[in-house]
C-alpha atoms as a PDB file:
ATOM      1  CA  MET A   1      12.888  21.530 -14.301  1.00  0.00           C
ATOM      2  CA  GLU A   2      16.192  19.299 -13.542  1.00  0.00           C
ATOM      3  CA  LYS A   3      15.567  15.663 -14.434  1.00  0.00           C
ATOM      4  CA  GLN A   4      16.767  14.699 -10.797  1.00  0.00           C
ATOM      5  CA  GLU A   5      14.918  17.273  -8.791  1.00  0.00           C
ATOM      6  CA  TYR A   6      11.714  15.443  -8.204  1.00  0.00           C
ATOM      7  CA  SER A   7       9.972  12.204  -7.821  1.00  0.00           C
ATOM      8  CA  VAL A   8       6.614  11.196  -8.427  1.00  0.00           C
ATOM      9  CA  GLY A   9       4.648   8.302  -6.387  1.00  0.00           C
ATOM     10  CA  LEU A  10       1.515   6.785  -8.195  1.00  0.00           C
ATOM     11  CA  ASP A  11      -1.106   4.878  -5.931  1.00  0.00           C
ATOM     12  CA  ILE A  12      -3.132   2.699  -8.136  1.00  0.00           C
ATOM     13  CA  GLY A  13      -6.162   2.183  -5.643  1.00  0.00           C
ATOM     14  CA  THR A  14      -9.499   0.369  -5.797  1.00  0.00           C
ATOM     15  CA  THR A  15     -11.532   3.682  -5.552  1.00  0.00           C
ATOM     16  CA  LYS A  16      -9.020   6.495  -6.469  1.00  0.00           C
ATOM     17  CA  ILE A  17      -5.679   6.837  -8.395  1.00  0.00           C
ATOM     18  CA  VAL A  18      -3.495   9.520  -7.025  1.00  0.00           C
ATOM     19  CA  ALA A  19      -0.238  11.092  -8.289  1.00  0.00           C
ATOM     20  CA  VAL A  20       2.025  13.052  -6.031  1.00  0.00           C
ATOM     21  CA  VAL A  21       4.914  15.030  -7.150  1.00  0.00           C
ATOM     22  CA  GLY A  22       7.645  15.892  -4.719  1.00  0.00           C
ATOM     23  CA  ARG A  23      11.143  16.912  -3.985  1.00  0.00           C
ATOM     24  CA  ARG A  24      13.747  17.099  -1.255  1.00  0.00           C
ATOM     25  CA  ASN A  25      14.233  20.800   0.048  1.00  0.00           C
ATOM     26  CA  ALA A  26      17.238  22.404   1.266  1.00  0.00           C
ATOM     27  CA  HIS A  27      16.654  21.062   4.749  1.00  0.00           C
ATOM     28  CA  GLY A  28      16.320  17.329   3.578  1.00  0.00           C
ATOM     29  CA  LYS A  29      12.237  17.303   3.802  1.00  0.00           C
ATOM     30  CA  ILE A  30       9.995  16.292   1.416  1.00  0.00           C
ATOM     31  CA  GLU A  31       8.119  19.268  -0.549  1.00  0.00           C
ATOM     32  CA  ILE A  32       4.913  18.458  -2.384  1.00  0.00           C
ATOM     33  CA  LEU A  33       4.882  20.341  -5.496  1.00  0.00           C
ATOM     34  CA  GLY A  34       1.798  19.025  -6.812  1.00  0.00           C
ATOM     35  CA  VAL A  35      -1.055  16.627  -6.414  1.00  0.00           C
ATOM     36  CA  GLY A  36      -3.421  14.544  -9.275  1.00  0.00           C
ATOM     37  CA  LYS A  37      -6.607  12.700  -8.502  1.00  0.00           C
ATOM     38  CA  SER A  38      -8.560  10.622 -10.469  1.00  0.00           C
ATOM     39  CA  LYS A  39     -11.899   8.031 -10.169  1.00  0.00           C
ATOM     40  CA  SER A  40     -10.132   4.658 -10.292  1.00  0.00           C
ATOM     41  CA  LEU A  41     -12.124   2.553 -12.895  1.00  0.00           C
ATOM     42  CA  GLY A  42     -10.738  -0.831 -13.557  1.00  0.00           C
ATOM     43  CA  VAL A  43      -9.329  -1.954 -10.525  1.00  0.00           C
ATOM     44  CA  HIS A  44     -10.808  -4.370  -8.106  1.00  0.00           C
ATOM     45  CA  LYS A  45      -9.466  -4.994  -4.495  1.00  0.00           C
ATOM     46  CA  GLY A  46      -5.906  -3.691  -5.512  1.00  0.00           C
ATOM     47  CA  ILE A  47      -5.783  -5.857  -8.623  1.00  0.00           C
ATOM     48  CA  VAL A  48      -6.291  -4.382 -12.341  1.00  0.00           C
ATOM     49  CA  ASN A  49      -9.395  -6.344 -13.984  1.00  0.00           C
ATOM     50  CA  ASN A  50      -9.828  -3.737 -16.965  1.00  0.00           C
ATOM     51  CA  MET A  51      -6.769  -2.529 -18.461  1.00  0.00           C
ATOM     52  CA  ALA A  52      -7.970   0.054 -20.746  1.00  0.00           C
ATOM     53  CA  GLN A  53      -9.858   1.975 -17.975  1.00  0.00           C
ATOM     54  CA  THR A  54      -6.948   1.885 -15.483  1.00  0.00           C
ATOM     55  CA  ILE A  55      -4.736   3.504 -18.264  1.00  0.00           C
ATOM     56  CA  GLY A  56      -7.327   6.307 -18.778  1.00  0.00           C
ATOM     57  CA  SER A  57      -7.710   6.732 -15.125  1.00  0.00           C
ATOM     58  CA  ILE A  58      -3.965   6.625 -14.570  1.00  0.00           C
ATOM     59  CA  LYS A  59      -3.550   9.315 -17.469  1.00  0.00           C
ATOM     60  CA  ALA A  60      -6.042  11.750 -15.803  1.00  0.00           C
ATOM     61  CA  ALA A  61      -4.279  11.671 -12.487  1.00  0.00           C
ATOM     62  CA  ILE A  62      -0.757  12.240 -14.055  1.00  0.00           C
ATOM     63  CA  GLU A  63      -2.188  15.028 -16.229  1.00  0.00           C
ATOM     64  CA  GLN A  64      -3.648  16.665 -13.345  1.00  0.00           C
ATOM     65  CA  ALA A  65      -0.403  16.395 -11.453  1.00  0.00           C
ATOM     66  CA  GLU A  66       1.491  18.211 -14.263  1.00  0.00           C
ATOM     67  CA  ALA A  67      -1.060  20.706 -14.145  1.00  0.00           C
ATOM     68  CA  SER A  68      -0.701  21.841 -10.687  1.00  0.00           C
ATOM     69  CA  SER A  69       3.042  21.127 -10.195  1.00  0.00           C
ATOM     70  CA  GLY A  70       4.103  22.559 -13.786  1.00  0.00           C
ATOM     71  CA  VAL A  71       6.302  19.282 -14.268  1.00  0.00           C
ATOM     72  CA  SER A  72       6.438  17.194 -17.254  1.00  0.00           C
ATOM     73  CA  ILE A  73       6.347  13.587 -15.813  1.00  0.00           C
ATOM     74  CA  LYS A  74       8.030  10.724 -17.430  1.00  0.00           C
ATOM     75  CA  LYS A  75       9.127   7.986 -14.445  1.00  0.00           C
ATOM     76  CA  VAL A  76       7.019   7.169 -11.424  1.00  0.00           C
ATOM     77  CA  THR A  77       7.254   4.664  -8.370  1.00  0.00           C
ATOM     78  CA  VAL A  78       4.271   2.703  -8.113  1.00  0.00           C
ATOM     79  CA  GLY A  79       2.275   1.369  -4.940  1.00  0.00           C
ATOM     80  CA  ILE A  80       1.198  -2.139  -4.944  1.00  0.00           C
ATOM     81  CA  ALA A  81      -1.160  -3.874  -2.665  1.00  0.00           C
ATOM     82  CA  GLY A  82      -3.918  -6.438  -3.507  1.00  0.00           C
ATOM     83  CA  LYS A  83      -5.001  -9.698  -2.086  1.00  0.00           C
ATOM     84  CA  HIS A  84      -2.181 -11.465  -3.912  1.00  0.00           C
ATOM     85  CA  ILE A  85       0.650 -10.119  -1.733  1.00  0.00           C
ATOM     86  CA  ARG A  86       1.934 -12.229   0.960  1.00  0.00           C
ATOM     87  CA  SER A  87       4.967 -11.908   3.332  1.00  0.00           C
ATOM     88  CA  LEU A  88       7.361 -14.700   4.902  1.00  0.00           C
ATOM     89  CA  GLN A  89      10.436 -14.884   7.146  1.00  0.00           C
ATOM     90  CA  HIS A  90      13.520 -16.408   5.596  1.00  0.00           C
ATOM     91  CA  PRO A  91      17.216 -16.537   7.155  1.00  0.00           C
ATOM     92  CA  ASP A  92      20.192 -16.721   4.974  1.00  0.00           C
ATOM     93  CA  TYR A  93      24.075 -16.557   4.899  1.00  0.00           C
ATOM     94  CA  ILE A  94      27.027 -16.022   2.356  1.00  0.00           C
ATOM     95  CA  MET A  95      30.652 -17.183   3.052  1.00  0.00           C
ATOM     96  CA  ARG A  96      32.914 -14.107   2.306  1.00  0.00           C
ATOM     97  CA  ASP A  97      36.021 -14.658   0.575  1.00  0.00           C
ATOM     98  CA  LYS A  98      38.292 -11.962   1.865  1.00  0.00           C
ATOM     99  CA  PRO A  99      37.259 -12.146   5.529  1.00  0.00           C
ATOM    100  CA  ASP A 100      40.526  -9.623   6.374  1.00  0.00           C
ATOM    101  CA  GLN A 101      38.346  -7.120   4.536  1.00  0.00           C
ATOM    102  CA  TYR A 102      35.592  -5.174   6.069  1.00  0.00           C
ATOM    103  CA  ILE A 103      31.894  -5.814   4.981  1.00  0.00           C
ATOM    104  CA  THR A 104      30.691  -3.502   2.114  1.00  0.00           C
ATOM    105  CA  GLU A 105      27.186  -2.819   0.745  1.00  0.00           C
ATOM    106  CA  ASP A 106      28.323  -5.382  -2.096  1.00  0.00           C
ATOM    107  CA  ASP A 107      28.417  -8.083   0.499  1.00  0.00           C
ATOM    108  CA  ILE A 108      24.928  -7.243   1.641  1.00  0.00           C
ATOM    109  CA  GLU A 109      23.671  -6.937  -1.985  1.00  0.00           C
ATOM    110  CA  ALA A 110      25.164 -10.557  -2.742  1.00  0.00           C
ATOM    111  CA  LEU A 111      23.231 -11.853   0.597  1.00  0.00           C
ATOM    112  CA  LYS A 112      19.982  -9.979  -1.010  1.00  0.00           C
ATOM    113  CA  ASP A 113      20.866 -11.467  -4.470  1.00  0.00           C
ATOM    114  CA  GLN A 114      21.019 -14.890  -2.940  1.00  0.00           C
ATOM    115  CA  VAL A 115      17.657 -14.526  -0.965  1.00  0.00           C
ATOM    116  CA  ARG A 116      16.027 -13.225  -4.358  1.00  0.00           C
ATOM    117  CA  LYS A 117      17.058 -16.815  -6.023  1.00  0.00           C
ATOM    118  CA  LEU A 118      14.592 -18.444  -3.343  1.00  0.00           C
ATOM    119  CA  VAL A 119      12.230 -20.624  -5.348  1.00  0.00           C
ATOM    120  CA  MET A 120       8.474 -19.354  -4.968  1.00  0.00           C
ATOM    121  CA  LEU A 121       5.225 -20.908  -5.878  1.00  0.00           C
ATOM    122  CA  PRO A 122       4.358 -20.914  -9.409  1.00  0.00           C
ATOM    123  CA  GLY A 123       3.410 -17.526 -10.712  1.00  0.00           C
ATOM    124  CA  GLU A 124       4.808 -15.508  -7.848  1.00  0.00           C
ATOM    125  CA  GLU A 125       7.567 -13.070  -7.483  1.00  0.00           C
ATOM    126  CA  ILE A 126       9.765 -11.397  -4.983  1.00  0.00           C
ATOM    127  CA  ILE A 127       8.813  -7.815  -4.501  1.00  0.00           C
ATOM    128  CA  HIS A 128      11.013  -6.740  -1.595  1.00  0.00           C
ATOM    129  CA  VAL A 129      13.757  -8.360   0.207  1.00  0.00           C
ATOM    130  CA  LEU A 130      14.073  -6.533   3.539  1.00  0.00           C
ATOM    131  CA  PRO A 131      16.938  -7.269   6.382  1.00  0.00           C
ATOM    132  CA  GLN A 132      15.445  -7.593   9.810  1.00  0.00           C
ATOM    133  CA  GLU A 133      18.919  -8.162  11.689  1.00  0.00           C
ATOM    134  CA  TYR A 134      22.318  -9.601  10.865  1.00  0.00           C
ATOM    135  CA  LYS A 135      24.745 -12.066  12.321  1.00  0.00           C
ATOM    136  CA  VAL A 136      28.618 -11.716  11.729  1.00  0.00           C
ATOM    137  CA  ASP A 137      30.369 -15.037  12.473  1.00  0.00           C
ATOM    138  CA  SER A 138      28.639 -15.718  15.989  1.00  0.00           C
ATOM    139  CA  GLU A 139      27.843 -11.961  16.828  1.00  0.00           C
ATOM    140  CA  GLY A 140      24.111 -11.525  16.647  1.00  0.00           C
ATOM    141  CA  GLU A 141      21.483  -8.803  16.877  1.00  0.00           C
ATOM    142  CA  ILE A 142      23.573  -6.348  14.557  1.00  0.00           C
ATOM    143  CA  GLN A 143      21.634  -3.527  13.061  1.00  0.00           C
ATOM    144  CA  GLU A 144      24.221  -2.322  10.551  1.00  0.00           C
ATOM    145  CA  PRO A 145      27.110  -4.779   9.632  1.00  0.00           C
ATOM    146  CA  ILE A 146      28.872  -2.576   7.328  1.00  0.00           C
ATOM    147  CA  GLY A 147      32.601  -1.801   8.599  1.00  0.00           C
ATOM    148  CA  MET A 148      32.912  -4.951  10.414  1.00  0.00           C
ATOM    149  CA  HIS A 149      35.077  -7.705   9.852  1.00  0.00           C
ATOM    150  CA  GLY A 150      34.014 -11.689   9.549  1.00  0.00           C
ATOM    151  CA  LYS A 151      33.894 -14.672   7.304  1.00  0.00           C
ATOM    152  CA  ARG A 152      30.321 -15.636   7.745  1.00  0.00           C
ATOM    153  CA  LEU A 153      27.392 -12.790   7.026  1.00  0.00           C
ATOM    154  CA  GLU A 154      24.000 -13.787   8.115  1.00  0.00           C
ATOM    155  CA  ALA A 155      20.634 -11.946   8.073  1.00  0.00           C
ATOM    156  CA  ASN A 156      17.019 -12.644   8.936  1.00  0.00           C
ATOM    157  CA  PHE A 157      14.972 -11.407   6.011  1.00  0.00           C
ATOM    158  CA  HIS A 158      11.083 -10.102   5.539  1.00  0.00           C
ATOM    159  CA  VAL A 159      10.379 -11.135   2.151  1.00  0.00           C
ATOM    160  CA  VAL A 160       7.296  -9.741   0.126  1.00  0.00           C
ATOM    161  CA  VAL A 161       5.850 -11.949  -2.346  1.00  0.00           C
ATOM    162  CA  GLY A 162       3.306 -11.051  -5.159  1.00  0.00           C
ATOM    163  CA  GLN A 163       1.649 -12.472  -8.124  1.00  0.00           C
ATOM    164  CA  MET A 164       3.694 -12.033 -11.293  1.00  0.00           C
ATOM    165  CA  GLY A 165       0.620 -11.631 -13.588  1.00  0.00           C
ATOM    166  CA  SER A 166      -0.848  -8.819 -11.218  1.00  0.00           C
ATOM    167  CA  ILE A 167       2.573  -7.113 -11.282  1.00  0.00           C
ATOM    168  CA  ARG A 168       3.042  -7.233 -14.941  1.00  0.00           C
ATOM    169  CA  ASN A 169      -0.546  -6.126 -15.318  1.00  0.00           C
ATOM    170  CA  ILE A 170       0.135  -2.778 -13.390  1.00  0.00           C
ATOM    171  CA  ALA A 171       3.498  -2.582 -15.092  1.00  0.00           C
ATOM    172  CA  ARG A 172       1.825  -2.587 -18.464  1.00  0.00           C
ATOM    173  CA  CYS A 173      -0.838  -0.110 -17.662  1.00  0.00           C
ATOM    174  CA  VAL A 174       1.897   2.387 -16.225  1.00  0.00           C
ATOM    175  CA  ARG A 175       3.784   1.614 -19.727  1.00  0.00           C
ATOM    176  CA  GLU A 176       0.847   2.260 -21.930  1.00  0.00           C
ATOM    177  CA  ALA A 177      -0.026   5.476 -20.051  1.00  0.00           C
ATOM    178  CA  GLY A 178       3.104   6.955 -21.678  1.00  0.00           C
ATOM    179  CA  LEU A 179       5.366   6.706 -18.236  1.00  0.00           C
ATOM    180  CA  GLU A 180       8.210   4.352 -16.998  1.00  0.00           C
ATOM    181  CA  MET A 181       7.895   2.866 -13.799  1.00  0.00           C
ATOM    182  CA  GLU A 182      11.148   3.270 -11.891  1.00  0.00           C
ATOM    183  CA  ALA A 183      10.506   1.416  -8.656  1.00  0.00           C
ATOM    184  CA  LEU A 184       7.448  -0.766  -7.270  1.00  0.00           C
ATOM    185  CA  THR A 185       6.963  -0.256  -3.481  1.00  0.00           C
ATOM    186  CA  LEU A 186       4.626  -2.071  -1.044  1.00  0.00           C
ATOM    187  CA  GLU A 187       1.926  -0.040   0.002  1.00  0.00           C
ATOM    188  CA  PRO A 188       1.898  -0.417   3.896  1.00  0.00           C
ATOM    189  CA  LEU A 189       5.818   0.286   3.642  1.00  0.00           C
ATOM    190  CA  ALA A 190       5.222   3.407   1.672  1.00  0.00           C
ATOM    191  CA  SER A 191       2.536   4.361   4.149  1.00  0.00           C
ATOM    192  CA  SER A 192       4.854   3.528   7.327  1.00  0.00           C
ATOM    193  CA  GLU A 193       7.553   5.734   5.812  1.00  0.00           C
ATOM    194  CA  ALA A 194       5.131   8.743   5.429  1.00  0.00           C
ATOM    195  CA  VAL A 195       3.386   8.527   8.995  1.00  0.00           C
ATOM    196  CA  LEU A 196       5.606   6.706  11.549  1.00  0.00           C
ATOM    197  CA  THR A 197       8.341   8.311  13.608  1.00  0.00           C
ATOM    198  CA  LYS A 198      11.533   6.377  14.502  1.00  0.00           C
ATOM    199  CA  GLU A 199      10.696   6.186  18.531  1.00  0.00           C
ATOM    200  CA  GLU A 200       6.764   4.597  16.971  1.00  0.00           C
ATOM    201  CA  LYS A 201       8.800   1.823  15.204  1.00  0.00           C
ATOM    202  CA  GLU A 202      11.154   1.211  18.224  1.00  0.00           C
ATOM    203  CA  ALA A 203       8.595   0.844  20.772  1.00  0.00           C
ATOM    204  CA  GLY A 204       6.312  -1.274  18.402  1.00  0.00           C
ATOM    205  CA  VAL A 205       3.476  -0.458  16.147  1.00  0.00           C
ATOM    206  CA  ALA A 206       0.878  -1.343  13.778  1.00  0.00           C
ATOM    207  CA  ILE A 207      -0.090   0.646  10.734  1.00  0.00           C
ATOM    208  CA  VAL A 208      -3.476  -0.150   9.530  1.00  0.00           C
ATOM    209  CA  ASP A 209      -4.665   1.812   6.229  1.00  0.00           C
ATOM    210  CA  ILE A 210      -8.111   0.722   5.299  1.00  0.00           C
ATOM    211  CA  GLY A 211      -8.599   1.780   1.773  1.00  0.00           C
ATOM    212  CA  GLY A 212     -11.702   0.904  -0.774  1.00  0.00           C
ATOM    213  CA  GLY A 213     -10.800  -2.392  -1.833  1.00  0.00           C
ATOM    214  CA  THR A 214      -8.159  -3.511   0.716  1.00  0.00           C
ATOM    215  CA  THR A 215      -6.721  -3.112   4.312  1.00  0.00           C
ATOM    216  CA  ASP A 216      -2.878  -3.004   4.385  1.00  0.00           C
ATOM    217  CA  ILE A 217      -1.004  -3.648   7.503  1.00  0.00           C
ATOM    218  CA  ALA A 218       2.862  -3.203   8.419  1.00  0.00           C
ATOM    219  CA  ILE A 219       4.082  -4.161  11.920  1.00  0.00           C
ATOM    220  CA  PHE A 220       7.235  -2.826  13.439  1.00  0.00           C
ATOM    221  CA  LYS A 221       9.022  -3.536  16.626  1.00  0.00           C
ATOM    222  CA  ASP A 222      12.893  -2.547  17.794  1.00  0.00           C
ATOM    223  CA  SER A 223      12.806  -0.405  14.412  1.00  0.00           C
ATOM    224  CA  VAL A 224      12.512  -3.715  12.543  1.00  0.00           C
ATOM    225  CA  ILE A 225       9.651  -4.449   9.957  1.00  0.00           C
ATOM    226  CA  ARG A 226       8.272  -7.606  11.339  1.00  0.00           C
ATOM    227  CA  HIS A 227       5.134  -8.197   9.486  1.00  0.00           C
ATOM    228  CA  THR A 228       3.372  -6.934   6.294  1.00  0.00           C
ATOM    229  CA  CYS A 229      -0.205  -8.460   4.866  1.00  0.00           C
ATOM    230  CA  VAL A 230      -2.995  -7.072   2.523  1.00  0.00           C
ATOM    231  CA  ILE A 231      -6.793  -8.274   3.594  1.00  0.00           C
ATOM    232  CA  PRO A 232      -8.894  -8.131   0.918  1.00  0.00           C
ATOM    233  CA  TYR A 233     -11.693  -5.914   2.764  1.00  0.00           C
ATOM    234  CA  GLY A 234     -12.061  -2.189   2.660  1.00  0.00           C
ATOM    235  CA  GLY A 235     -14.809   0.560   2.584  1.00  0.00           C
ATOM    236  CA  GLY A 236     -16.144  -0.791  -0.616  1.00  0.00           C
ATOM    237  CA  ILE A 237     -17.524  -4.015   1.534  1.00  0.00           C
ATOM    238  CA  ILE A 238     -18.944  -1.709   3.927  1.00  0.00           C
ATOM    239  CA  THR A 239     -20.979  -0.191   1.112  1.00  0.00           C
ATOM    240  CA  ASP A 240     -22.246  -3.359  -0.063  1.00  0.00           C
ATOM    241  CA  ASP A 241     -23.410  -4.197   3.677  1.00  0.00           C
ATOM    242  CA  ILE A 242     -25.320  -1.293   3.480  1.00  0.00           C
ATOM    243  CA  LYS A 243     -26.762  -2.043   0.172  1.00  0.00           C
ATOM    244  CA  GLU A 244     -27.874  -5.492   1.443  1.00  0.00           C
ATOM    245  CA  GLY A 245     -28.906  -4.628   5.007  1.00  0.00           C
ATOM    246  CA  CYS A 246     -31.038  -1.555   4.060  1.00  0.00           C
ATOM    247  CA  SER A 247     -31.846  -3.186   0.457  1.00  0.00           C
ATOM    248  CA  ILE A 248     -31.079   0.392  -1.378  1.00  0.00           C
ATOM    249  CA  ILE A 249     -28.814   0.927  -4.419  1.00  0.00           C
ATOM    250  CA  GLU A 250     -25.149   1.024  -4.348  1.00  0.00           C
ATOM    251  CA  LYS A 251     -25.068   4.815  -5.261  1.00  0.00           C
ATOM    252  CA  HIS A 252     -27.503   5.580  -2.015  1.00  0.00           C
ATOM    253  CA  ALA A 253     -25.455   3.063   0.251  1.00  0.00           C
ATOM    254  CA  GLU A 254     -22.357   4.894  -0.641  1.00  0.00           C
ATOM    255  CA  GLN A 255     -24.089   8.463   0.039  1.00  0.00           C
ATOM    256  CA  LEU A 256     -25.356   7.193   3.286  1.00  0.00           C
ATOM    257  CA  LYS A 257     -22.014   5.618   4.422  1.00  0.00           C
ATOM    258  CA  VAL A 258     -19.974   8.840   3.812  1.00  0.00           C
ATOM    259  CA  LYS A 259     -22.647  11.426   4.792  1.00  0.00           C
ATOM    260  CA  PHE A 260     -24.334   9.688   8.180  1.00  0.00           C
ATOM    261  CA  GLY A 261     -21.968   6.833   8.661  1.00  0.00           C
ATOM    262  CA  SER A 262     -20.710   5.844  12.324  1.00  0.00           C
ATOM    263  CA  ALA A 263     -19.221   2.944  13.658  1.00  0.00           C
ATOM    264  CA  VAL A 264     -20.189   3.680  17.007  1.00  0.00           C
ATOM    265  CA  PRO A 265     -23.863   2.484  17.364  1.00  0.00           C
ATOM    266  CA  GLU A 266     -24.473   3.373  21.161  1.00  0.00           C
ATOM    267  CA  GLU A 267     -23.714   7.140  20.008  1.00  0.00           C
ATOM    268  CA  GLU A 268     -26.643   7.417  17.628  1.00  0.00           C
ATOM    269  CA  LYS A 269     -30.201   7.792  18.638  1.00  0.00           C
ATOM    270  CA  ASP A 270     -32.923   5.560  18.013  1.00  0.00           C
ATOM    271  CA  SER A 271     -35.246   8.281  16.669  1.00  0.00           C
ATOM    272  CA  THR A 272     -33.115   9.689  14.082  1.00  0.00           C
ATOM    273  CA  TYR A 273     -34.194   8.499  10.485  1.00  0.00           C
ATOM    274  CA  VAL A 274     -32.993   9.451   6.902  1.00  0.00           C
ATOM    275  CA  THR A 275     -35.073   9.321   3.952  1.00  0.00           C
ATOM    276  CA  ILE A 276     -34.043   7.653   0.907  1.00  0.00           C
ATOM    277  CA  PRO A 277     -35.740   8.435  -2.211  1.00  0.00           C
ATOM    278  CA  GLY A 278     -37.634   5.466  -3.684  1.00  0.00           C
ATOM    279  CA  LEU A 279     -37.107   3.903  -7.271  1.00  0.00           C
ATOM    280  CA  HIS A 280     -39.543   4.606 -10.010  1.00  0.00           C
ATOM    281  CA  GLY A 281     -42.312   5.824  -8.208  1.00  0.00           C
ATOM    282  CA  ARG A 282     -41.928   3.394  -5.192  1.00  0.00           C
ATOM    283  CA  ALA A 283     -42.209   4.589  -1.532  1.00  0.00           C
ATOM    284  CA  ASP A 284     -39.381   6.442   0.077  1.00  0.00           C
ATOM    285  CA  LYS A 285     -37.552   4.451   2.490  1.00  0.00           C
ATOM    286  CA  GLU A 286     -36.823   5.495   6.058  1.00  0.00           C
ATOM    287  CA  ILE A 287     -33.441   4.057   7.384  1.00  0.00           C
ATOM    288  CA  SER A 288     -32.363   4.312  11.251  1.00  0.00           C
ATOM    289  CA  LEU A 289     -28.977   6.031  11.628  1.00  0.00           C
ATOM    290  CA  LYS A 290     -28.592   3.511  14.763  1.00  0.00           C
ATOM    291  CA  ALA A 291     -29.293   0.492  12.345  1.00  0.00           C
ATOM    292  CA  LEU A 292     -26.784   2.020   9.691  1.00  0.00           C
ATOM    293  CA  ALA A 293     -23.979   2.154  12.543  1.00  0.00           C
ATOM    294  CA  GLN A 294     -24.697  -1.396  13.560  1.00  0.00           C
ATOM    295  CA  VAL A 295     -24.145  -2.621   9.833  1.00  0.00           C
ATOM    296  CA  ILE A 296     -20.809  -0.501   9.917  1.00  0.00           C
ATOM    297  CA  SER A 297     -19.749  -1.579  13.363  1.00  0.00           C
ATOM    298  CA  ALA A 298     -19.941  -5.216  12.483  1.00  0.00           C
ATOM    299  CA  ARG A 299     -17.784  -5.225   9.268  1.00  0.00           C
ATOM    300  CA  ILE A 300     -15.264  -2.830  11.116  1.00  0.00           C
ATOM    301  CA  GLU A 301     -14.806  -4.913  13.844  1.00  0.00           C
ATOM    302  CA  GLU A 302     -14.373  -8.165  11.413  1.00  0.00           C
ATOM    303  CA  ILE A 303     -11.560  -5.742   9.487  1.00  0.00           C
END
């Protein structure tokens, strides 16, 4: 297959690693060619804490994606989340040398480059510089300034920042899995590109993606990204709550959650119980589905 015909997205999550191969068809829509999925070992709350295990999991997902798509994968776009991500709002401007010439893509890039030079906290680096709205001279609320004339080009930016160490660890895992990292994208932004319509972004919408280790959030209003954040709670902490609340082992807690879990205690009957086998000859344990739903509901409400 031709080099430029397809793209690969790699999502390094806390519970699973997924690789998706897609290409743009004749109608400009994305067509999925293949998917690969592997259990994520070595990632905790979106952050790599075991290099060798993460590299192994990436390789397994990529091999599966290659087999299902018939494509040899060399480059990937990697999604990033993790509790180290934060975002901030920052206004900035440039004075143009030739105001008689109209504003081009180069002027916008020059303005973005200026924002990228912002001094961050030690160990942090900028992942995304996203313009929210522009101002040309004194004219404000401009969505697209290209083609306009003016001396001063100004914009409000949404800046996404992450820990340098965490980003480098992900890059190294991808490299050692034999791949080239084409780009890095913030998970909630990728999710919003995939599922939100233009109308939703205009009306105002929050996309909340509850993963295994983190919950990713992106907020849009008037078609502009207003806020992004990553909360270090996800499905994994619900399993921990069930394990503690019911005094059972993690494997059983996860199975209970997946098979019988509900976040609405009112809909569960008081009389419905599930039996968990006892360990090493101990007595079996009876767990009420209503109590289980109460444990889940409390944590989901907090998230």
